[in-house]
């Protein structure tokens, strides 16, 4: 959901006074998210994989909708992957400040609310263009800062590019799959060299189950309702964090 899982992974240890398990554990939980994405969208990824191989023997001008979509996703993945690689150190240190997380939660919540309220929402998935995908992919780079929310910023950009709500969410989920997969694979060596324990296994399992349900019911929800509930949640979350910061001074 567009409420930033990474923000919760930063704030909960700080709020409840237990040690921050760090970015490796965060990525382990995102492995659960990856399982959920693949389980829910496995038919899409089977079709897209087939479309990728079919496209290799064609000129781009002759691509069908699925062949265009897989290449759009490939190009859109590059900015987020580059940001994650270049800014990993900051993601583990500077970007985990509660004040920064709360600020991004509130700021991106307000932006999402305004865009959801005023942007035209006419495009379906088959109408997404190369430039739409590139803008959404570039915005994904901001998700390195906890509180931004990968799905939040990509959905917001999708809405700005005139996608309807279910299309923006679906494109966001498909786009997140290779990024989450790449991040999880890079950290697997840490998990299998002394960092994996029962807590990690439980976390991955719960993340997968809850992630699957979140995807399923969010797509259903957005066919009927706006993002207002997510915006209000983000603002309430930010207010709570700032209240605790002030109370602890």
C-alpha atoms as a PDB file:
ATOM      1  CA  UNK A   1       0.000   0.000   0.000  1.00  0.00           C
ATOM      2  CA  UNK A   2       1.182   3.592  -0.595  1.00  0.00           C
ATOM      3  CA  UNK A   3       2.013   4.191   3.079  1.00  0.00           C
ATOM      4  CA  UNK A   4       5.728   3.285   2.989  1.00  0.00           C
ATOM      5  CA  UNK A   5       6.703  -0.062   4.454  1.00  0.00           C
ATOM      6  CA  UNK A   6      10.249   1.241   4.932  1.00  0.00           C
ATOM      7  CA  UNK A   7       8.929   4.090   7.098  1.00  0.00           C
ATOM      8  CA  UNK A   8       7.257   1.590   9.395  1.00  0.00           C
ATOM      9  CA  UNK A   9      10.418  -0.528   9.521  1.00  0.00           C
ATOM     10  CA  UNK A  10      12.373   2.541  10.657  1.00  0.00           C
ATOM     11  CA  UNK A  11       9.820   4.040  13.044  1.00  0.00           C
ATOM     12  CA  UNK A  12       8.565   0.972  14.901  1.00  0.00           C
ATOM     13  CA  UNK A  13      11.952   0.109  16.494  1.00  0.00           C
ATOM     14  CA  UNK A  14      12.463   3.780  17.376  1.00  0.00           C
ATOM     15  CA  UNK A  15       8.941   4.136  18.762  1.00  0.00           C
ATOM     16  CA  UNK A  16       8.969   0.905  20.798  1.00  0.00           C
ATOM     17  CA  UNK A  17      12.620   1.169  21.892  1.00  0.00           C
ATOM     18  CA  UNK A  18      14.102  -1.981  20.407  1.00  0.00           C
ATOM     19  CA  UNK A  19      17.216  -2.126  18.203  1.00  0.00           C
ATOM     20  CA  UNK A  20      16.742  -1.270  14.542  1.00  0.00           C
ATOM     21  CA  UNK A  21      17.388  -4.578  12.727  1.00  0.00           C
ATOM     22  CA  UNK A  22      18.858  -2.652   9.778  1.00  0.00           C
ATOM     23  CA  UNK A  23      18.490  -2.589   6.035  1.00  0.00           C
ATOM     24  CA  UNK A  24      19.330  -6.279   5.528  1.00  0.00           C
ATOM     25  CA  UNK A  25      16.340  -7.334   7.621  1.00  0.00           C
ATOM     26  CA  UNK A  26      14.200  -4.759   5.784  1.00  0.00           C
ATOM     27  CA  UNK A  27      15.212  -6.337   2.483  1.00  0.00           C
ATOM     28  CA  UNK A  28      14.452  -9.793   3.898  1.00  0.00           C
ATOM     29  CA  UNK A  29      10.909  -8.623   4.568  1.00  0.00           C
ATOM     30  CA  UNK A  30      10.771  -7.288   1.034  1.00  0.00           C
ATOM     31  CA  UNK A  31      11.599 -10.814  -0.079  1.00  0.00           C
ATOM     32  CA  UNK A  32       8.205 -11.676   1.373  1.00  0.00           C
ATOM     33  CA  UNK A  33       6.723  -8.808  -0.639  1.00  0.00           C
ATOM     34  CA  UNK A  34       8.395 -10.222  -3.761  1.00  0.00           C
ATOM     35  CA  UNK A  35       6.797 -13.605  -3.118  1.00  0.00           C
ATOM     36  CA  UNK A  36       3.422 -11.861  -2.828  1.00  0.00           C
ATOM     37  CA  UNK A  37       3.955  -9.926  -6.073  1.00  0.00           C
ATOM     38  CA  UNK A  38       4.962 -13.043  -7.996  1.00  0.00           C
ATOM     39  CA  UNK A  39       2.112 -15.076  -6.528  1.00  0.00           C
ATOM     40  CA  UNK A  40      -0.504 -12.463  -7.442  1.00  0.00           C
ATOM     41  CA  UNK A  41       0.867 -11.420 -10.836  1.00  0.00           C
ATOM     42  CA  UNK A  42       2.339 -14.754 -11.973  1.00  0.00           C
ATOM     43  CA  UNK A  43       0.067 -14.916 -15.042  1.00  0.00           C
ATOM     44  CA  UNK A  44       1.087 -11.387 -16.020  1.00  0.00           C
ATOM     45  CA  UNK A  45       4.771 -12.267 -15.678  1.00  0.00           C
ATOM     46  CA  UNK A  46       4.368 -15.463 -17.700  1.00  0.00           C
ATOM     47  CA  UNK A  47       2.736 -13.407 -20.476  1.00  0.00           C
ATOM     48  CA  UNK A  48       5.350 -10.642 -20.192  1.00  0.00           C
ATOM     49  CA  UNK A  49       8.229 -13.122 -20.293  1.00  0.00           C
ATOM     50  CA  UNK A  50       6.800 -14.659 -23.444  1.00  0.00           C
ATOM     51  CA  UNK A  51       6.306 -11.175 -24.894  1.00  0.00           C
ATOM     52  CA  UNK A  52       9.946 -10.325 -24.179  1.00  0.00           C
ATOM     53  CA  UNK A  53      11.230 -13.291 -26.193  1.00  0.00           C
ATOM     54  CA  UNK A  54       8.747 -12.643 -29.013  1.00  0.00           C
ATOM     55  CA  UNK A  55       9.901  -9.032 -29.188  1.00  0.00           C
ATOM     56  CA  UNK A  56      13.503 -10.044 -29.867  1.00  0.00           C
ATOM     57  CA  UNK A  57      12.609 -11.003 -33.424  1.00  0.00           C
ATOM     58  CA  UNK A  58      10.617  -7.857 -34.172  1.00  0.00           C
ATOM     59  CA  UNK A  59      11.132  -4.181 -34.832  1.00  0.00           C
ATOM     60  CA  UNK A  60       9.806  -1.923 -32.041  1.00  0.00           C
ATOM     61  CA  UNK A  61       7.268  -0.442 -34.461  1.00  0.00           C
ATOM     62  CA  UNK A  62       5.664  -3.904 -34.717  1.00  0.00           C
ATOM     63  CA  UNK A  63       5.411  -4.598 -30.978  1.00  0.00           C
ATOM     64  CA  UNK A  64       2.066  -5.588 -29.521  1.00  0.00           C
ATOM     65  CA  UNK A  65       0.754  -4.194 -26.179  1.00  0.00           C
ATOM     66  CA  UNK A  66       2.465  -6.853 -24.030  1.00  0.00           C
ATOM     67  CA  UNK A  67       5.752  -6.522 -25.905  1.00  0.00           C
ATOM     68  CA  UNK A  68       5.691  -2.759 -25.422  1.00  0.00           C
ATOM     69  CA  UNK A  69       4.841  -3.135 -21.750  1.00  0.00           C
ATOM     70  CA  UNK A  70       7.743  -5.445 -20.906  1.00  0.00           C
ATOM     71  CA  UNK A  71      10.237  -3.076 -22.532  1.00  0.00           C
ATOM     72  CA  UNK A  72       8.629  -0.102 -20.793  1.00  0.00           C
ATOM     73  CA  UNK A  73       9.115  -1.917 -17.480  1.00  0.00           C
ATOM     74  CA  UNK A  74      12.740  -2.734 -18.299  1.00  0.00           C
ATOM     75  CA  UNK A  75      13.633   0.889 -19.097  1.00  0.00           C
ATOM     76  CA  UNK A  76      11.595   2.223 -16.161  1.00  0.00           C
ATOM     77  CA  UNK A  77      13.496  -0.041 -13.747  1.00  0.00           C
ATOM     78  CA  UNK A  78      16.888   1.527 -14.507  1.00  0.00           C
ATOM     79  CA  UNK A  79      16.548   4.809 -12.486  1.00  0.00           C
ATOM     80  CA  UNK A  80      15.358   3.050  -9.331  1.00  0.00           C
ATOM     81  CA  UNK A  81      18.062   0.395  -9.577  1.00  0.00           C
ATOM     82  CA  UNK A  82      20.753   3.050 -10.065  1.00  0.00           C
ATOM     83  CA  UNK A  83      19.509   5.087  -7.085  1.00  0.00           C
ATOM     84  CA  UNK A  84      19.449   2.017  -4.858  1.00  0.00           C
ATOM     85  CA  UNK A  85      22.986   1.065  -5.829  1.00  0.00           C
ATOM     86  CA  UNK A  86      24.476   4.566  -5.475  1.00  0.00           C
ATOM     87  CA  UNK A  87      22.629   5.607  -2.317  1.00  0.00           C
ATOM     88  CA  UNK A  88      22.615   2.365  -0.298  1.00  0.00           C
ATOM     89  CA  UNK A  89      24.929   3.829   2.368  1.00  0.00           C
ATOM     90  CA  UNK A  90      22.621   6.818   2.898  1.00  0.00           C
ATOM     91  CA  UNK A  91      19.592   4.500   2.999  1.00  0.00           C
ATOM     92  CA  UNK A  92      21.222   2.623   5.898  1.00  0.00           C
ATOM     93  CA  UNK A  93      22.238   5.762   7.851  1.00  0.00           C
ATOM     94  CA  UNK A  94      21.190   9.337   7.030  1.00  0.00           C
ATOM     95  CA  UNK A  95      17.802   8.486   5.526  1.00  0.00           C
ATOM     96  CA  UNK A  96      16.651   6.596   8.640  1.00  0.00           C
ATOM     97  CA  UNK A  97      16.046   9.746  10.710  1.00  0.00           C
ATOM     98  CA  UNK A  98      12.525   9.711  12.258  1.00  0.00           C
ATOM     99  CA  UNK A  99      12.042  13.428  11.500  1.00  0.00           C
ATOM    100  CA  UNK A 100      12.922  12.917   7.822  1.00  0.00           C
ATOM    101  CA  UNK A 101      10.689   9.846   7.597  1.00  0.00           C
ATOM    102  CA  UNK A 102       7.728  11.727   9.106  1.00  0.00           C
ATOM    103  CA  UNK A 103       8.309  14.713   6.829  1.00  0.00           C
ATOM    104  CA  UNK A 104       8.298  12.512   3.730  1.00  0.00           C
ATOM    105  CA  UNK A 105       5.212  10.653   4.964  1.00  0.00           C
ATOM    106  CA  UNK A 106       3.302  13.932   5.282  1.00  0.00           C
ATOM    107  CA  UNK A 107       4.683  15.588   2.146  1.00  0.00           C
ATOM    108  CA  UNK A 108       4.059  12.640  -0.162  1.00  0.00           C
ATOM    109  CA  UNK A 109       0.659  12.101   1.414  1.00  0.00           C
ATOM    110  CA  UNK A 110      -0.377  15.664   0.584  1.00  0.00           C
ATOM    111  CA  UNK A 111       0.970  15.358  -2.965  1.00  0.00           C
ATOM    112  CA  UNK A 112      -0.814  12.035  -3.495  1.00  0.00           C
ATOM    113  CA  UNK A 113      -4.064  13.538  -2.206  1.00  0.00           C
ATOM    114  CA  UNK A 114      -3.868  16.569  -4.500  1.00  0.00           C
ATOM    115  CA  UNK A 115      -2.919  14.562  -7.572  1.00  0.00           C
ATOM    116  CA  UNK A 116      -5.621  11.983  -6.887  1.00  0.00           C
ATOM    117  CA  UNK A 117      -8.176  14.778  -6.522  1.00  0.00           C
ATOM    118  CA  UNK A 118      -7.332  16.883  -9.560  1.00  0.00           C
ATOM    119  CA  UNK A 119      -5.436  14.839 -12.180  1.00  0.00           C
ATOM    120  CA  UNK A 120      -7.388  13.405 -15.150  1.00  0.00           C
ATOM    121  CA  UNK A 121      -7.654   9.619 -14.889  1.00  0.00           C
ATOM    122  CA  UNK A 122      -8.324   8.202 -18.345  1.00  0.00           C
ATOM    123  CA  UNK A 123      -5.485   5.849 -19.365  1.00  0.00           C
ATOM    124  CA  UNK A 124      -5.734   2.072 -19.165  1.00  0.00           C
ATOM    125  CA  UNK A 125      -2.677  -0.196 -18.988  1.00  0.00           C
ATOM    126  CA  UNK A 126      -2.593  -0.811 -22.743  1.00  0.00           C
ATOM    127  CA  UNK A 127      -2.512   2.967 -23.320  1.00  0.00           C
ATOM    128  CA  UNK A 128       0.591   3.593 -21.196  1.00  0.00           C
ATOM    129  CA  UNK A 129       3.395   5.129 -23.280  1.00  0.00           C
ATOM    130  CA  UNK A 130       7.175   4.945 -23.130  1.00  0.00           C
ATOM    131  CA  UNK A 131       7.343   8.426 -21.608  1.00  0.00           C
ATOM    132  CA  UNK A 132       4.717   7.522 -19.011  1.00  0.00           C
ATOM    133  CA  UNK A 133       6.796   4.531 -17.934  1.00  0.00           C
ATOM    134  CA  UNK A 134      10.021   6.547 -17.899  1.00  0.00           C
ATOM    135  CA  UNK A 135       8.536   9.240 -15.651  1.00  0.00           C
ATOM    136  CA  UNK A 136       7.139   6.619 -13.277  1.00  0.00           C
ATOM    137  CA  UNK A 137      10.473   4.797 -13.266  1.00  0.00           C
ATOM    138  CA  UNK A 138      12.427   7.977 -12.570  1.00  0.00           C
ATOM    139  CA  UNK A 139      10.154   8.830  -9.648  1.00  0.00           C
ATOM    140  CA  UNK A 140      10.880   5.399  -8.172  1.00  0.00           C
ATOM    141  CA  UNK A 141      14.385   6.628  -7.330  1.00  0.00           C
ATOM    142  CA  UNK A 142      12.870   8.791  -4.555  1.00  0.00           C
ATOM    143  CA  UNK A 143      11.698   5.655  -2.760  1.00  0.00           C
ATOM    144  CA  UNK A 144      15.225   5.203  -1.378  1.00  0.00           C
ATOM    145  CA  UNK A 145      14.104   7.680   1.328  1.00  0.00           C
ATOM    146  CA  UNK A 146      11.843   5.915   3.879  1.00  0.00           C
ATOM    147  CA  UNK A 147       8.487   7.627   4.104  1.00  0.00           C
ATOM    148  CA  UNK A 148       8.274   8.291   0.383  1.00  0.00           C
ATOM    149  CA  UNK A 149       6.826   4.858  -0.439  1.00  0.00           C
ATOM    150  CA  UNK A 150       7.760   3.133  -3.674  1.00  0.00           C
ATOM    151  CA  UNK A 151       4.149   2.427  -4.532  1.00  0.00           C
ATOM    152  CA  UNK A 152       3.111   5.879  -3.289  1.00  0.00           C
ATOM    153  CA  UNK A 153       5.494   7.851  -5.501  1.00  0.00           C
ATOM    154  CA  UNK A 154       5.037   5.654  -8.578  1.00  0.00           C
ATOM    155  CA  UNK A 155       1.241   5.658  -8.256  1.00  0.00           C
ATOM    156  CA  UNK A 156       1.285   9.445  -7.811  1.00  0.00           C
ATOM    157  CA  UNK A 157       3.389   9.844 -10.952  1.00  0.00           C
ATOM    158  CA  UNK A 158       1.127   7.435 -12.813  1.00  0.00           C
ATOM    159  CA  UNK A 159      -1.882   9.542 -11.868  1.00  0.00           C
ATOM    160  CA  UNK A 160      -0.028  12.662 -13.033  1.00  0.00           C
ATOM    161  CA  UNK A 161       0.445  10.877 -16.367  1.00  0.00           C
ATOM    162  CA  UNK A 162      -3.362  10.471 -16.549  1.00  0.00           C
ATOM    163  CA  UNK A 163      -3.545   6.775 -15.628  1.00  0.00           C
ATOM    164  CA  UNK A 164      -6.705   5.723 -13.837  1.00  0.00           C
ATOM    165  CA  UNK A 165      -6.320   4.479 -10.261  1.00  0.00           C
ATOM    166  CA  UNK A 166      -6.270   0.695 -10.905  1.00  0.00           C
ATOM    167  CA  UNK A 167      -3.870   1.156 -13.851  1.00  0.00           C
ATOM    168  CA  UNK A 168      -1.487   3.345 -11.827  1.00  0.00           C
ATOM    169  CA  UNK A 169      -1.493   0.787  -9.002  1.00  0.00           C
ATOM    170  CA  UNK A 170      -1.063  -2.208 -11.315  1.00  0.00           C
ATOM    171  CA  UNK A 171       1.797  -0.587 -13.227  1.00  0.00           C
ATOM    172  CA  UNK A 172       3.403   0.334  -9.902  1.00  0.00           C
ATOM    173  CA  UNK A 173       3.212  -3.270  -8.672  1.00  0.00           C
ATOM    174  CA  UNK A 174       4.639  -4.679 -11.904  1.00  0.00           C
ATOM    175  CA  UNK A 175       7.440  -2.108 -11.858  1.00  0.00           C
ATOM    176  CA  UNK A 176       8.323  -2.856  -8.243  1.00  0.00           C
ATOM    177  CA  UNK A 177       8.876  -6.571  -8.897  1.00  0.00           C
ATOM    178  CA  UNK A 178      12.340  -6.386 -10.577  1.00  0.00           C
ATOM    179  CA  UNK A 179      13.567  -3.716  -8.109  1.00  0.00           C
ATOM    180  CA  UNK A 180      12.495  -5.710  -5.062  1.00  0.00           C
ATOM    181  CA  UNK A 181      13.920  -8.875  -6.623  1.00  0.00           C
ATOM    182  CA  UNK A 182      17.262  -7.197  -7.284  1.00  0.00           C
ATOM    183  CA  UNK A 183      17.516  -5.754  -3.767  1.00  0.00           C
ATOM    184  CA  UNK A 184      16.621  -9.099  -2.201  1.00  0.00           C
ATOM    185  CA  UNK A 185      19.155 -11.000  -4.309  1.00  0.00           C
ATOM    186  CA  UNK A 186      21.941  -8.573  -3.383  1.00  0.00           C
ATOM    187  CA  UNK A 187      21.243  -9.149   0.315  1.00  0.00           C
ATOM    188  CA  UNK A 188      20.728 -12.919   0.175  1.00  0.00           C
ATOM    189  CA  UNK A 189      24.409 -13.525   0.895  1.00  0.00           C
ATOM    190  CA  UNK A 190      24.014 -11.639   4.201  1.00  0.00           C
ATOM    191  CA  UNK A 191      20.936 -13.668   5.123  1.00  0.00           C
ATOM    192  CA  UNK A 192      22.725 -16.963   4.484  1.00  0.00           C
ATOM    193  CA  UNK A 193      25.925 -15.993   6.298  1.00  0.00           C
ATOM    194  CA  UNK A 194      24.794 -15.682   9.875  1.00  0.00           C
ATOM    195  CA  UNK A 195      22.055 -13.060   9.626  1.00  0.00           C
ATOM    196  CA  UNK A 196      19.086 -15.351   8.986  1.00  0.00           C
ATOM    197  CA  UNK A 197      17.228 -16.711  12.001  1.00  0.00           C
ATOM    198  CA  UNK A 198      13.691 -17.655  13.031  1.00  0.00           C
ATOM    199  CA  UNK A 199      12.687 -13.990  13.217  1.00  0.00           C
ATOM    200  CA  UNK A 200      13.716 -13.531   9.595  1.00  0.00           C
ATOM    201  CA  UNK A 201      11.763 -16.584   8.451  1.00  0.00           C
ATOM    202  CA  UNK A 202       8.654 -15.476  10.343  1.00  0.00           C
ATOM    203  CA  UNK A 203       9.032 -11.945   8.975  1.00  0.00           C
ATOM    204  CA  UNK A 204       9.302 -13.144   5.370  1.00  0.00           C
ATOM    205  CA  UNK A 205       6.286 -15.446   5.765  1.00  0.00           C
ATOM    206  CA  UNK A 206       4.053 -12.810   7.341  1.00  0.00           C
ATOM    207  CA  UNK A 207       5.206 -10.230   4.794  1.00  0.00           C
ATOM    208  CA  UNK A 208       4.280 -12.563   1.926  1.00  0.00           C
ATOM    209  CA  UNK A 209       0.806 -13.348   3.273  1.00  0.00           C
ATOM    210  CA  UNK A 210      -0.069  -9.771   4.234  1.00  0.00           C
ATOM    211  CA  UNK A 211       1.482  -8.446   0.995  1.00  0.00           C
ATOM    212  CA  UNK A 212      -0.679 -10.740  -1.134  1.00  0.00           C
ATOM    213  CA  UNK A 213      -3.847  -9.673   0.683  1.00  0.00           C
ATOM    214  CA  UNK A 214      -2.852  -5.995   0.454  1.00  0.00           C
ATOM    215  CA  UNK A 215      -2.364  -6.222  -3.327  1.00  0.00           C
ATOM    216  CA  UNK A 216      -5.614  -8.099  -3.866  1.00  0.00           C
ATOM    217  CA  UNK A 217      -7.861  -5.865  -1.810  1.00  0.00           C
ATOM    218  CA  UNK A 218      -6.169  -2.588  -2.715  1.00  0.00           C
ATOM    219  CA  UNK A 219      -6.786  -3.195  -6.430  1.00  0.00           C
ATOM    220  CA  UNK A 220     -10.390  -4.059  -5.592  1.00  0.00           C
ATOM    221  CA  UNK A 221     -10.714  -0.976  -3.372  1.00  0.00           C
ATOM    222  CA  UNK A 222      -9.337   1.414  -6.007  1.00  0.00           C
ATOM    223  CA  UNK A 223     -11.962   0.392  -8.542  1.00  0.00           C
ATOM    224  CA  UNK A 224     -14.500   2.119  -6.290  1.00  0.00           C
ATOM    225  CA  UNK A 225     -12.748   4.603  -4.027  1.00  0.00           C
ATOM    226  CA  UNK A 226      -9.992   7.222  -3.953  1.00  0.00           C
ATOM    227  CA  UNK A 227      -6.644   7.249  -2.133  1.00  0.00           C
ATOM    228  CA  UNK A 228      -8.038   9.472   0.651  1.00  0.00           C
ATOM    229  CA  UNK A 229      -7.804   6.834   3.367  1.00  0.00           C
ATOM    230  CA  UNK A 230      -4.093   6.346   2.622  1.00  0.00           C
ATOM    231  CA  UNK A 231      -3.484  10.100   2.647  1.00  0.00           C
ATOM    232  CA  UNK A 232      -5.174  10.461   6.046  1.00  0.00           C
ATOM    233  CA  UNK A 233      -3.189   7.536   7.424  1.00  0.00           C
ATOM    234  CA  UNK A 234       0.095   9.075   6.256  1.00  0.00           C
ATOM    235  CA  UNK A 235      -0.737  12.414   7.882  1.00  0.00           C
ATOM    236  CA  UNK A 236      -1.754  10.727  11.145  1.00  0.00           C
ATOM    237  CA  UNK A 237       1.455   8.666  11.121  1.00  0.00           C
ATOM    238  CA  UNK A 238       3.584  11.782  10.600  1.00  0.00           C
ATOM    239  CA  UNK A 239       1.730  13.646  13.354  1.00  0.00           C
ATOM    240  CA  UNK A 240       2.346  10.775  15.783  1.00  0.00           C
ATOM    241  CA  UNK A 241       6.072  10.712  15.012  1.00  0.00           C
ATOM    242  CA  UNK A 242       6.465  14.467  15.484  1.00  0.00           C
ATOM    243  CA  UNK A 243       4.470  14.315  18.725  1.00  0.00           C
ATOM    244  CA  UNK A 244       6.807  11.616  20.080  1.00  0.00           C
ATOM    245  CA  UNK A 245       9.884  13.586  18.979  1.00  0.00           C
ATOM    246  CA  UNK A 246       8.628  16.629  20.905  1.00  0.00           C
ATOM    247  CA  UNK A 247       7.655  14.539  23.932  1.00  0.00           C
ATOM    248  CA  UNK A 248      11.132  12.980  24.144  1.00  0.00           C
ATOM    249  CA  UNK A 249      12.979  16.312  24.176  1.00  0.00           C
END
